Amino acid sequence: MVILSKKVLEAENVVFNYPDGTNALDGLSLSIEKGKKIAILGANGAGKSTLFLHFNGILKPKKGNIKFRGKKVSYKKKYWYSFSGSRYAAFFIQCFSRNFIWPT
């Protein structure tokens, strides 16, 4: 019997430091299941954008893995060209406070 994983996107013990020494991700693990809606929230500098840059293959973890549909992400150009023009790679930034919090 084959059991298919519902996990679409995974981060496994991801560690990333910027060249200036800033520790952006320190052992982060997260899995997102197909059809689930999630929110990534945190203060400025918490690592939200860094995490999404890893999910899009723009940044490569110093340690750990990123998986898409159960397969470890490759950082070779050939791999990412296969996503060109597809609906899978996107980076969306929205100012939460500007769009969702209204003065009372």
PDB file of N, CA and C in Angstrom:
ATOM      1  N   MET A   1       0.836  -1.169   0.000  1.00  0.00           N
ATOM      2  CA  MET A   1       0.000   0.000   0.000  1.00  0.00           C
ATOM      3  C   MET A   1       0.892   1.246   0.000  1.00  0.00           C
ATOM      4  N   VAL A   2       0.602   2.180  -0.886  1.00  0.00           N
ATOM      5  CA  VAL A   2       1.362   3.417  -0.984  1.00  0.00           C
ATOM      6  C   VAL A   2       0.589   4.526  -0.287  1.00  0.00           C
ATOM      7  N   ILE A   3       1.228   5.183   0.650  1.00  0.00           N
ATOM      8  CA  ILE A   3       0.598   6.301   1.353  1.00  0.00           C
ATOM      9  C   ILE A   3       1.209   7.590   0.822  1.00  0.00           C
ATOM     10  N   LEU A   4       0.384   8.415   0.211  1.00  0.00           N
ATOM     11  CA  LEU A   4       0.862   9.678  -0.339  1.00  0.00           C
ATOM     12  C   LEU A   4       0.835  10.761   0.729  1.00  0.00           C
ATOM     13  N   SER A   5       1.897  11.511   0.812  1.00  0.00           N
ATOM     14  CA  SER A   5       1.987  12.591   1.774  1.00  0.00           C
ATOM     15  C   SER A   5       1.125  13.757   1.334  1.00  0.00           C
ATOM     16  N   LYS A   6       0.450  14.361   2.282  1.00  0.00           N
ATOM     17  CA  LYS A   6      -0.334  15.552   2.004  1.00  0.00           C
ATOM     18  C   LYS A   6       0.524  16.810   2.104  1.00  0.00           C
ATOM     19  N   LYS A   7       1.775  16.642   2.496  1.00  0.00           N
ATOM     20  CA  LYS A   7       2.662  17.790   2.660  1.00  0.00           C
ATOM     21  C   LYS A   7       3.078  18.331   1.297  1.00  0.00           C
ATOM     22  N   VAL A   8       2.873  19.607   1.098  1.00  0.00           N
ATOM     23  CA  VAL A   8       3.236  20.245  -0.162  1.00  0.00           C
ATOM     24  C   VAL A   8       4.580  20.947  -0.025  1.00  0.00           C
ATOM     25  N   LEU A   9       4.800  21.581   1.107  1.00  0.00           N
ATOM     26  CA  LEU A   9       6.018  22.358   1.326  1.00  0.00           C
ATOM     27  C   LEU A   9       6.520  22.085   2.730  1.00  0.00           C
ATOM     28  N   GLU A  10       7.831  21.809   2.831  1.00  0.00           N
ATOM     29  CA  GLU A  10       8.417  21.493   4.134  1.00  0.00           C
ATOM     30  C   GLU A  10       9.763  22.190   4.321  1.00  0.00           C
ATOM     31  N   ALA A  11      10.011  22.593   5.528  1.00  0.00           N
ATOM     32  CA  ALA A  11      11.330  23.059   5.947  1.00  0.00           C
ATOM     33  C   ALA A  11      11.745  22.132   7.089  1.00  0.00           C
ATOM     34  N   GLU A  12      12.937  21.566   6.995  1.00  0.00           N
ATOM     35  CA  GLU A  12      13.421  20.629   8.006  1.00  0.00           C
ATOM     36  C   GLU A  12      14.719  21.142   8.619  1.00  0.00           C
ATOM     37  N   ASN A  13      14.641  21.578   9.863  1.00  0.00           N
ATOM     38  CA  ASN A  13      15.816  22.067  10.608  1.00  0.00           C
ATOM     39  C   ASN A  13      16.651  23.057   9.796  1.00  0.00           C
ATOM     40  N   VAL A  14      15.998  24.030   9.206  1.00  0.00           N
ATOM     41  CA  VAL A  14      16.674  25.002   8.345  1.00  0.00           C
ATOM     42  C   VAL A  14      17.437  26.028   9.181  1.00  0.00           C
ATOM     43  N   VAL A  15      18.706  26.181   8.837  1.00  0.00           N
ATOM     44  CA  VAL A  15      19.590  27.168   9.464  1.00  0.00           C
ATOM     45  C   VAL A  15      20.115  28.078   8.366  1.00  0.00           C
ATOM     46  N   PHE A  16      20.057  29.389   8.613  1.00  0.00           N
ATOM     47  CA  PHE A  16      20.589  30.344   7.641  1.00  0.00           C
ATOM     48  C   PHE A  16      21.117  31.573   8.360  1.00  0.00           C
ATOM     49  N   ASN A  17      22.323  31.965   7.992  1.00  0.00           N
ATOM     50  CA  ASN A  17      22.951  33.186   8.504  1.00  0.00           C
ATOM     51  C   ASN A  17      23.312  34.070   7.324  1.00  0.00           C
ATOM     52  N   TYR A  18      23.023  35.359   7.442  1.00  0.00           N
ATOM     53  CA  TYR A  18      23.427  36.300   6.397  1.00  0.00           C
ATOM     54  C   TYR A  18      24.925  36.562   6.492  1.00  0.00           C
ATOM     55  N   PRO A  19      25.551  37.046   5.415  1.00  0.00           N
ATOM     56  CA  PRO A  19      27.000  37.275   5.419  1.00  0.00           C
ATOM     57  C   PRO A  19      27.499  38.190   6.548  1.00  0.00           C
ATOM     58  N   ASP A  20      26.637  39.113   7.021  1.00  0.00           N
ATOM     59  CA  ASP A  20      27.054  40.001   8.111  1.00  0.00           C
ATOM     60  C   ASP A  20      26.993  39.316   9.474  1.00  0.00           C
ATOM     61  N   GLY A  21      26.583  38.023   9.492  1.00  0.00           N
ATOM     62  CA  GLY A  21      26.528  37.260  10.727  1.00  0.00           C
ATOM     63  C   GLY A  21      25.142  37.197  11.357  1.00  0.00           C
ATOM     64  N   THR A  22      24.178  37.904  10.790  1.00  0.00           N
ATOM     65  CA  THR A  22      22.820  37.867  11.326  1.00  0.00           C
ATOM     66  C   THR A  22      22.245  36.461  11.211  1.00  0.00           C
ATOM     67  N   ASN A  23      21.816  35.912  12.351  1.00  0.00           N
ATOM     68  CA  ASN A  23      21.222  34.584  12.391  1.00  0.00           C
ATOM     69  C   ASN A  23      19.734  34.740  12.077  1.00  0.00           C
ATOM     70  N   ALA A  24      19.325  34.374  10.860  1.00  0.00           N
ATOM     71  CA  ALA A  24      17.951  34.597  10.421  1.00  0.00           C
ATOM     72  C   ALA A  24      17.030  33.409  10.705  1.00  0.00           C
ATOM     73  N   LEU A  25      17.494  32.200  10.467  1.00  0.00           N
ATOM     74  CA  LEU A  25      16.716  30.993  10.737  1.00  0.00           C
ATOM     75  C   LEU A  25      17.604  30.044  11.526  1.00  0.00           C
ATOM     76  N   ASP A  26      17.076  29.521  12.623  1.00  0.00           N
ATOM     77  CA  ASP A  26      17.888  28.681  13.502  1.00  0.00           C
ATOM     78  C   ASP A  26      17.150  27.389  13.831  1.00  0.00           C
ATOM     79  N   GLY A  27      17.286  26.398  12.946  1.00  0.00           N
ATOM     80  CA  GLY A  27      16.661  25.107  13.171  1.00  0.00           C
ATOM     81  C   GLY A  27      15.157  25.107  12.929  1.00  0.00           C
ATOM     82  N   LEU A  28      14.695  25.911  12.003  1.00  0.00           N
ATOM     83  CA  LEU A  28      13.270  26.022  11.710  1.00  0.00           C
ATOM     84  C   LEU A  28      12.735  24.772  11.020  1.00  0.00           C
ATOM     85  N   SER A  29      11.630  24.247  11.520  1.00  0.00           N
ATOM     86  CA  SER A  29      10.931  23.126  10.880  1.00  0.00           C
ATOM     87  C   SER A  29       9.466  23.505  10.738  1.00  0.00           C
ATOM     88  N   LEU A  30       8.915  23.219   9.553  1.00  0.00           N
ATOM     89  CA  LEU A  30       7.541  23.594   9.249  1.00  0.00           C
ATOM     90  C   LEU A  30       7.051  22.720   8.106  1.00  0.00           C
ATOM     91  N   SER A  31       5.801  22.297   8.157  1.00  0.00           N
ATOM     92  CA  SER A  31       5.226  21.579   7.021  1.00  0.00           C
ATOM     93  C   SER A  31       3.861  22.171   6.716  1.00  0.00           C
ATOM     94  N   ILE A  32       3.577  22.311   5.432  1.00  0.00           N
ATOM     95  CA  ILE A  32       2.315  22.876   4.966  1.00  0.00           C
ATOM     96  C   ILE A  32       1.626  21.811   4.133  1.00  0.00           C
ATOM     97  N   GLU A  33       0.398  21.483   4.515  1.00  0.00           N
ATOM     98  CA  GLU A  33      -0.357  20.447   3.818  1.00  0.00           C
ATOM     99  C   GLU A  33      -1.189  21.037   2.684  1.00  0.00           C
ATOM    100  N   LYS A  34      -1.417  20.232   1.687  1.00  0.00           N
ATOM    101  CA  LYS A  34      -2.207  20.632   0.534  1.00  0.00           C
ATOM    102  C   LYS A  34      -3.590  21.102   0.982  1.00  0.00           C
ATOM    103  N   GLY A  35      -4.014  22.241   0.438  1.00  0.00           N
ATOM    104  CA  GLY A  35      -5.338  22.777   0.712  1.00  0.00           C
ATOM    105  C   GLY A  35      -5.460  23.583   1.987  1.00  0.00           C
ATOM    106  N   LYS A  36      -4.416  23.648   2.788  1.00  0.00           N
ATOM    107  CA  LYS A  36      -4.460  24.396   4.043  1.00  0.00           C
ATOM    108  C   LYS A  36      -4.082  25.852   3.807  1.00  0.00           C
ATOM    109  N   LYS A  37      -4.727  26.735   4.517  1.00  0.00           N
ATOM    110  CA  LYS A  37      -4.386  28.153   4.484  1.00  0.00           C
ATOM    111  C   LYS A  37      -3.662  28.460   5.782  1.00  0.00           C
ATOM    112  N   ILE A  38      -2.504  29.090   5.648  1.00  0.00           N
ATOM    113  CA  ILE A  38      -1.718  29.421   6.837  1.00  0.00           C
ATOM    114  C   ILE A  38      -1.292  30.881   6.764  1.00  0.00           C
ATOM    115  N   ALA A  39      -0.862  31.398   7.896  1.00  0.00           N
ATOM    116  CA  ALA A  39      -0.295  32.742   7.957  1.00  0.00           C
ATOM    117  C   ALA A  39       1.047  32.639   8.659  1.00  0.00           C
ATOM    118  N   ILE A  40       2.026  33.323   8.126  1.00  0.00           N
ATOM    119  CA  ILE A  40       3.337  33.415   8.765  1.00  0.00           C
ATOM    120  C   ILE A  40       3.416  34.823   9.332  1.00  0.00           C
ATOM    121  N   LEU A  41       3.418  34.936  10.641  1.00  0.00           N
ATOM    122  CA  LEU A  41       3.407  36.233  11.312  1.00  0.00           C
ATOM    123  C   LEU A  41       4.631  36.367  12.199  1.00  0.00           C
ATOM    124  N   GLY A  42       5.096  37.591  12.348  1.00  0.00           N
ATOM    125  CA  GLY A  42       6.216  37.844  13.242  1.00  0.00           C
ATOM    126  C   GLY A  42       6.662  39.282  13.141  1.00  0.00           C
ATOM    127  N   ALA A  43       7.446  39.678  14.084  1.00  0.00           N
ATOM    128  CA  ALA A  43       7.974  41.043  14.131  1.00  0.00           C
ATOM    129  C   ALA A  43       8.966  41.277  12.995  1.00  0.00           C
ATOM    130  N   ASN A  44       9.290  42.545  12.751  1.00  0.00           N
ATOM    131  CA  ASN A  44      10.327  42.873  11.768  1.00  0.00           C
ATOM    132  C   ASN A  44      11.613  42.149  12.149  1.00  0.00           C
ATOM    133  N   GLY A  45      12.231  41.531  11.160  1.00  0.00           N
ATOM    134  CA  GLY A  45      13.499  40.836  11.409  1.00  0.00           C
ATOM    135  C   GLY A  45      13.345  39.433  11.974  1.00  0.00           C
ATOM    136  N   ALA A  46      12.120  38.922  12.035  1.00  0.00           N
ATOM    137  CA  ALA A  46      11.894  37.591  12.610  1.00  0.00           C
ATOM    138  C   ALA A  46      12.288  36.456  11.663  1.00  0.00           C
ATOM    139  N   GLY A  47      12.427  36.747  10.356  1.00  0.00           N
ATOM    140  CA  GLY A  47      12.840  35.723   9.403  1.00  0.00           C
ATOM    141  C   GLY A  47      11.754  35.302   8.424  1.00  0.00           C
ATOM    142  N   LYS A  48      10.635  36.006   8.402  1.00  0.00           N
ATOM    143  CA  LYS A  48       9.526  35.633   7.501  1.00  0.00           C
ATOM    144  C   LYS A  48       9.948  35.704   6.039  1.00  0.00           C
ATOM    145  N   SER A  49      10.507  36.822   5.626  1.00  0.00           N
ATOM    146  CA  SER A  49      10.927  36.975   4.226  1.00  0.00           C
ATOM    147  C   SER A  49      12.061  36.015   3.894  1.00  0.00           C
ATOM    148  N   THR A  50      12.965  35.815   4.819  1.00  0.00           N
ATOM    149  CA  THR A  50      14.065  34.872   4.612  1.00  0.00           C
ATOM    150  C   THR A  50      13.517  33.470   4.374  1.00  0.00           C
ATOM    151  N   LEU A  51      12.502  33.073   5.129  1.00  0.00           N
ATOM    152  CA  LEU A  51      11.884  31.763   4.947  1.00  0.00           C
ATOM    153  C   LEU A  51      11.299  31.644   3.541  1.00  0.00           C
ATOM    154  N   PHE A  52      10.574  32.657   3.081  1.00  0.00           N
ATOM    155  CA  PHE A  52       9.973  32.601   1.748  1.00  0.00           C
ATOM    156  C   PHE A  52      11.026  32.618   0.647  1.00  0.00           C
ATOM    157  N   LEU A  53      12.128  33.305   0.885  1.00  0.00           N
ATOM    158  CA  LEU A  53      13.217  33.285  -0.095  1.00  0.00           C
ATOM    159  C   LEU A  53      13.834  31.889  -0.178  1.00  0.00           C
ATOM    160  N   HIS A  54      13.799  31.148   0.903  1.00  0.00           N
ATOM    161  CA  HIS A  54      14.237  29.747   0.879  1.00  0.00           C
ATOM    162  C   HIS A  54      13.225  28.885   0.124  1.00  0.00           C
ATOM    163  N   PHE A  55      11.944  29.103   0.388  1.00  0.00           N
ATOM    164  CA  PHE A  55      10.915  28.330  -0.308  1.00  0.00           C
ATOM    165  C   PHE A  55      10.968  28.549  -1.813  1.00  0.00           C
ATOM    166  N   ASN A  56      11.358  29.737  -2.240  1.00  0.00           N
ATOM    167  CA  ASN A  56      11.442  30.044  -3.671  1.00  0.00           C
ATOM    168  C   ASN A  56      12.780  29.670  -4.285  1.00  0.00           C
ATOM    169  N   GLY A  57      13.710  29.176  -3.489  1.00  0.00           N
ATOM    170  CA  GLY A  57      14.996  28.755  -4.024  1.00  0.00           C
ATOM    171  C   GLY A  57      15.973  29.888  -4.253  1.00  0.00           C
ATOM    172  N   ILE A  58      15.653  31.072  -3.774  1.00  0.00           N
ATOM    173  CA  ILE A  58      16.550  32.221  -3.943  1.00  0.00           C
ATOM    174  C   ILE A  58      17.697  32.127  -2.950  1.00  0.00           C
ATOM    175  N   LEU A  59      17.394  31.682  -1.739  1.00  0.00           N
ATOM    176  CA  LEU A  59      18.429  31.453  -0.728  1.00  0.00           C
ATOM    177  C   LEU A  59      18.530  29.955  -0.452  1.00  0.00           C
ATOM    178  N   LYS A  60      19.735  29.509  -0.178  1.00  0.00           N
ATOM    179  CA  LYS A  60      19.998  28.097   0.122  1.00  0.00           C
ATOM    180  C   LYS A  60      20.338  27.971   1.605  1.00  0.00           C
ATOM    181  N   PRO A  61      19.710  27.031   2.322  1.00  0.00           N
ATOM    182  CA  PRO A  61      20.013  26.873   3.744  1.00  0.00           C
ATOM    183  C   PRO A  61      21.466  26.489   3.998  1.00  0.00           C
ATOM    184  N   LYS A  62      22.021  26.998   5.089  1.00  0.00           N
ATOM    185  CA  LYS A  62      23.358  26.578   5.505  1.00  0.00           C
ATOM    186  C   LYS A  62      23.293  25.125   5.979  1.00  0.00           C
ATOM    187  N   LYS A  63      22.211  24.788   6.666  1.00  0.00           N
ATOM    188  CA  LYS A  63      21.939  23.422   7.119  1.00  0.00           C
ATOM    189  C   LYS A  63      20.448  23.170   6.948  1.00  0.00           C
ATOM    190  N   GLY A  64      20.070  21.910   6.853  1.00  0.00           N
ATOM    191  CA  GLY A  64      18.668  21.549   6.737  1.00  0.00           C
ATOM    192  C   GLY A  64      18.221  21.429   5.292  1.00  0.00           C
ATOM    193  N   ASN A  65      16.935  21.174   5.103  1.00  0.00           N
ATOM    194  CA  ASN A  65      16.376  20.935   3.776  1.00  0.00           C
ATOM    195  C   ASN A  65      15.051  21.649   3.578  1.00  0.00           C
ATOM    196  N   ILE A  66      14.792  21.977   2.334  1.00  0.00           N
ATOM    197  CA  ILE A  66      13.484  22.446   1.898  1.00  0.00           C
ATOM    198  C   ILE A  66      12.970  21.372   0.946  1.00  0.00           C
ATOM    199  N   LYS A  67      11.719  20.966   1.135  1.00  0.00           N
ATOM    200  CA  LYS A  67      11.108  19.963   0.251  1.00  0.00           C
ATOM    201  C   LYS A  67       9.842  20.525  -0.368  1.00  0.00           C
ATOM    202  N   PHE A  68       9.653  20.231  -1.654  1.00  0.00           N
ATOM    203  CA  PHE A  68       8.449  20.598  -2.370  1.00  0.00           C
ATOM    204  C   PHE A  68       7.816  19.317  -2.891  1.00  0.00           C
ATOM    205  N   ARG A  69       6.595  19.057  -2.459  1.00  0.00           N
ATOM    206  CA  ARG A  69       5.890  17.828  -2.818  1.00  0.00           C
ATOM    207  C   ARG A  69       6.706  16.578  -2.488  1.00  0.00           C
ATOM    208  N   GLY A  70       7.376  16.601  -1.350  1.00  0.00           N
ATOM    209  CA  GLY A  70       8.121  15.445  -0.873  1.00  0.00           C
ATOM    210  C   GLY A  70       9.514  15.281  -1.433  1.00  0.00           C
ATOM    211  N   LYS A  71       9.897  16.124  -2.373  1.00  0.00           N
ATOM    212  CA  LYS A  71      11.227  16.008  -2.969  1.00  0.00           C
ATOM    213  C   LYS A  71      12.112  17.156  -2.501  1.00  0.00           C
ATOM    214  N   LYS A  72      13.332  16.804  -2.140  1.00  0.00           N
ATOM    215  CA  LYS A  72      14.298  17.799  -1.704  1.00  0.00           C
ATOM    216  C   LYS A  72      14.570  18.791  -2.841  1.00  0.00           C
ATOM    217  N   VAL A  73      14.519  20.057  -2.521  1.00  0.00           N
ATOM    218  CA  VAL A  73      14.746  21.109  -3.515  1.00  0.00           C
ATOM    219  C   VAL A  73      16.205  21.117  -3.938  1.00  0.00           C
ATOM    220  N   SER A  74      16.424  21.219  -5.232  1.00  0.00           N
ATOM    221  CA  SER A  74      17.770  21.340  -5.797  1.00  0.00           C
ATOM    222  C   SER A  74      18.020  22.810  -6.104  1.00  0.00           C
ATOM    223  N   TYR A  75      19.221  23.251  -5.937  1.00  0.00           N
ATOM    224  CA  TYR A  75      19.545  24.662  -6.196  1.00  0.00           C
ATOM    225  C   TYR A  75      20.279  24.836  -7.512  1.00  0.00           C
ATOM    226  N   LYS A  76      20.163  23.850  -8.382  1.00  0.00           N
ATOM    227  CA  LYS A  76      20.755  23.961  -9.714  1.00  0.00           C
ATOM    228  C   LYS A  76      19.802  24.744 -10.606  1.00  0.00           C
ATOM    229  N   LYS A  77      20.330  25.566 -11.492  1.00  0.00           N
ATOM    230  CA  LYS A  77      19.501  26.395 -12.374  1.00  0.00           C
ATOM    231  C   LYS A  77      18.522  25.558 -13.183  1.00  0.00           C
ATOM    232  N   LYS A  78      18.969  24.407 -13.645  1.00  0.00           N
ATOM    233  CA  LYS A  78      18.113  23.547 -14.465  1.00  0.00           C
ATOM    234  C   LYS A  78      16.821  23.199 -13.727  1.00  0.00           C
ATOM    235  N   TYR A  79      16.920  22.933 -12.439  1.00  0.00           N
ATOM    236  CA  TYR A  79      15.755  22.590 -11.625  1.00  0.00           C
ATOM    237  C   TYR A  79      14.770  23.758 -11.581  1.00  0.00           C
ATOM    238  N   TRP A  80      15.269  24.948 -11.349  1.00  0.00           N
ATOM    239  CA  TRP A  80      14.384  26.109 -11.194  1.00  0.00           C
ATOM    240  C   TRP A  80      13.828  26.598 -12.517  1.00  0.00           C
ATOM    241  N   TYR A  81      14.528  26.359 -13.619  1.00  0.00           N
ATOM    242  CA  TYR A  81      13.973  26.742 -14.920  1.00  0.00           C
ATOM    243  C   TYR A  81      12.688  25.973 -15.208  1.00  0.00           C
ATOM    244  N   SER A  82      12.546  24.796 -14.632  1.00  0.00           N
ATOM    245  CA  SER A  82      11.333  24.023 -14.867  1.00  0.00           C
ATOM    246  C   SER A  82      10.108  24.689 -14.240  1.00  0.00           C
ATOM    247  N   PHE A  83      10.331  25.608 -13.309  1.00  0.00           N
ATOM    248  CA  PHE A  83       9.234  26.334 -12.683  1.00  0.00           C
ATOM    249  C   PHE A  83       8.929  27.653 -13.388  1.00  0.00           C
ATOM    250  N   SER A  84       9.734  28.050 -14.371  1.00  0.00           N
ATOM    251  CA  SER A  84       9.531  29.333 -15.047  1.00  0.00           C
ATOM    252  C   SER A  84       8.127  29.415 -15.620  1.00  0.00           C
ATOM    253  N   GLY A  85       7.455  30.483 -15.268  1.00  0.00           N
ATOM    254  CA  GLY A  85       6.113  30.705 -15.774  1.00  0.00           C
ATOM    255  C   GLY A  85       5.051  29.836 -15.122  1.00  0.00           C
ATOM    256  N   SER A  86       5.437  29.073 -14.114  1.00  0.00           N
ATOM    257  CA  SER A  86       4.449  28.210 -13.473  1.00  0.00           C
ATOM    258  C   SER A  86       3.810  28.928 -12.300  1.00  0.00           C
ATOM    259  N   ARG A  87       2.831  28.297 -11.724  1.00  0.00           N
ATOM    260  CA  ARG A  87       2.131  28.887 -10.586  1.00  0.00           C
ATOM    261  C   ARG A  87       2.779  28.518  -9.257  1.00  0.00           C
ATOM    262  N   TYR A  88       3.876  27.800  -9.290  1.00  0.00           N
ATOM    263  CA  TYR A  88       4.458  27.306  -8.051  1.00  0.00           C
ATOM    264  C   TYR A  88       5.400  28.275  -7.353  1.00  0.00           C
ATOM    265  N   ALA A  89       6.111  29.095  -8.077  1.00  0.00           N
ATOM    266  CA  ALA A  89       7.099  29.976  -7.456  1.00  0.00           C
ATOM    267  C   ALA A  89       6.589  31.403  -7.453  1.00  0.00           C
ATOM    268  N   ALA A  90       6.341  31.913  -6.264  1.00  0.00           N
ATOM    269  CA  ALA A  90       5.848  33.285  -6.135  1.00  0.00           C
ATOM    270  C   ALA A  90       6.297  33.843  -4.797  1.00  0.00           C
ATOM    271  N   PHE A  91       6.407  35.136  -4.733  1.00  0.00           N
ATOM    272  CA  PHE A  91       6.782  35.806  -3.498  1.00  0.00           C
ATOM    273  C   PHE A  91       5.864  37.001  -3.356  1.00  0.00           C
ATOM    274  N   PHE A  92       4.986  36.965  -2.377  1.00  0.00           N
ATOM    275  CA  PHE A  92       3.959  37.980  -2.202  1.00  0.00           C
ATOM    276  C   PHE A  92       4.168  38.666  -0.865  1.00  0.00           C
ATOM    277  N   ILE A  93       4.310  39.971  -0.904  1.00  0.00           N
ATOM    278  CA  ILE A  93       4.470  40.749   0.321  1.00  0.00           C
ATOM    279  C   ILE A  93       3.283  41.690   0.418  1.00  0.00           C
ATOM    280  N   GLN A  94       2.679  41.723   1.593  1.00  0.00           N
ATOM    281  CA  GLN A  94       1.553  42.619   1.797  1.00  0.00           C
ATOM    282  C   GLN A  94       1.681  43.225   3.180  1.00  0.00           C
ATOM    283  N   CYS A  95       1.455  44.504   3.266  1.00  0.00           N
ATOM    284  CA  CYS A  95       1.508  45.192   4.556  1.00  0.00           C
ATOM    285  C   CYS A  95       0.217  44.889   5.309  1.00  0.00           C
ATOM    286  N   PHE A  96       0.305  44.028   6.283  1.00  0.00           N
ATOM    287  CA  PHE A  96      -0.861  43.578   7.031  1.00  0.00           C
ATOM    288  C   PHE A  96      -1.569  44.739   7.707  1.00  0.00           C
ATOM    289  N   SER A  97      -0.824  45.589   8.409  1.00  0.00           N
ATOM    290  CA  SER A  97      -1.458  46.666   9.165  1.00  0.00           C
ATOM    291  C   SER A  97      -2.149  47.673   8.249  1.00  0.00           C
ATOM    292  N   ARG A  98      -1.614  47.888   7.080  1.00  0.00           N
ATOM    293  CA  ARG A  98      -2.210  48.844   6.162  1.00  0.00           C
ATOM    294  C   ARG A  98      -3.509  48.320   5.564  1.00  0.00           C
ATOM    295  N   ASN A  99      -3.627  47.031   5.402  1.00  0.00           N
ATOM    296  CA  ASN A  99      -4.786  46.463   4.721  1.00  0.00           C
ATOM    297  C   ASN A  99      -5.825  45.819   5.641  1.00  0.00           C
ATOM    298  N   PHE A 100      -5.465  45.469   6.833  1.00  0.00           N
ATOM    299  CA  PHE A 100      -6.395  44.707   7.669  1.00  0.00           C
ATOM    300  C   PHE A 100      -6.727  45.333   9.013  1.00  0.00           C
ATOM    301  N   ILE A 101      -5.998  46.350   9.421  1.00  0.00           N
ATOM    302  CA  ILE A 101      -6.281  46.977  10.717  1.00  0.00           C
ATOM    303  C   ILE A 101      -6.837  48.361  10.466  1.00  0.00           C
ATOM    304  N   TRP A 102      -8.020  48.590  10.966  1.00  0.00           N
ATOM    305  CA  TRP A 102      -8.718  49.855  10.729  1.00  0.00           C
ATOM    306  C   TRP A 102      -8.785  50.660  12.016  1.00  0.00           C
ATOM    307  N   PRO A 103      -8.663  51.980  11.917  1.00  0.00           N
ATOM    308  CA  PRO A 103      -8.774  52.812  13.123  1.00  0.00           C
ATOM    309  C   PRO A 103     -10.188  52.719  13.717  1.00  0.00           C
ATOM    310  N   THR A 104     -10.278  52.843  15.019  1.00  0.00           N
ATOM    311  CA  THR A 104     -11.593  52.785  15.672  1.00  0.00           C
ATOM    312  C   THR A 104     -11.995  54.144  16.190  1.00  0.00           C
TER     313      THR A 104
END
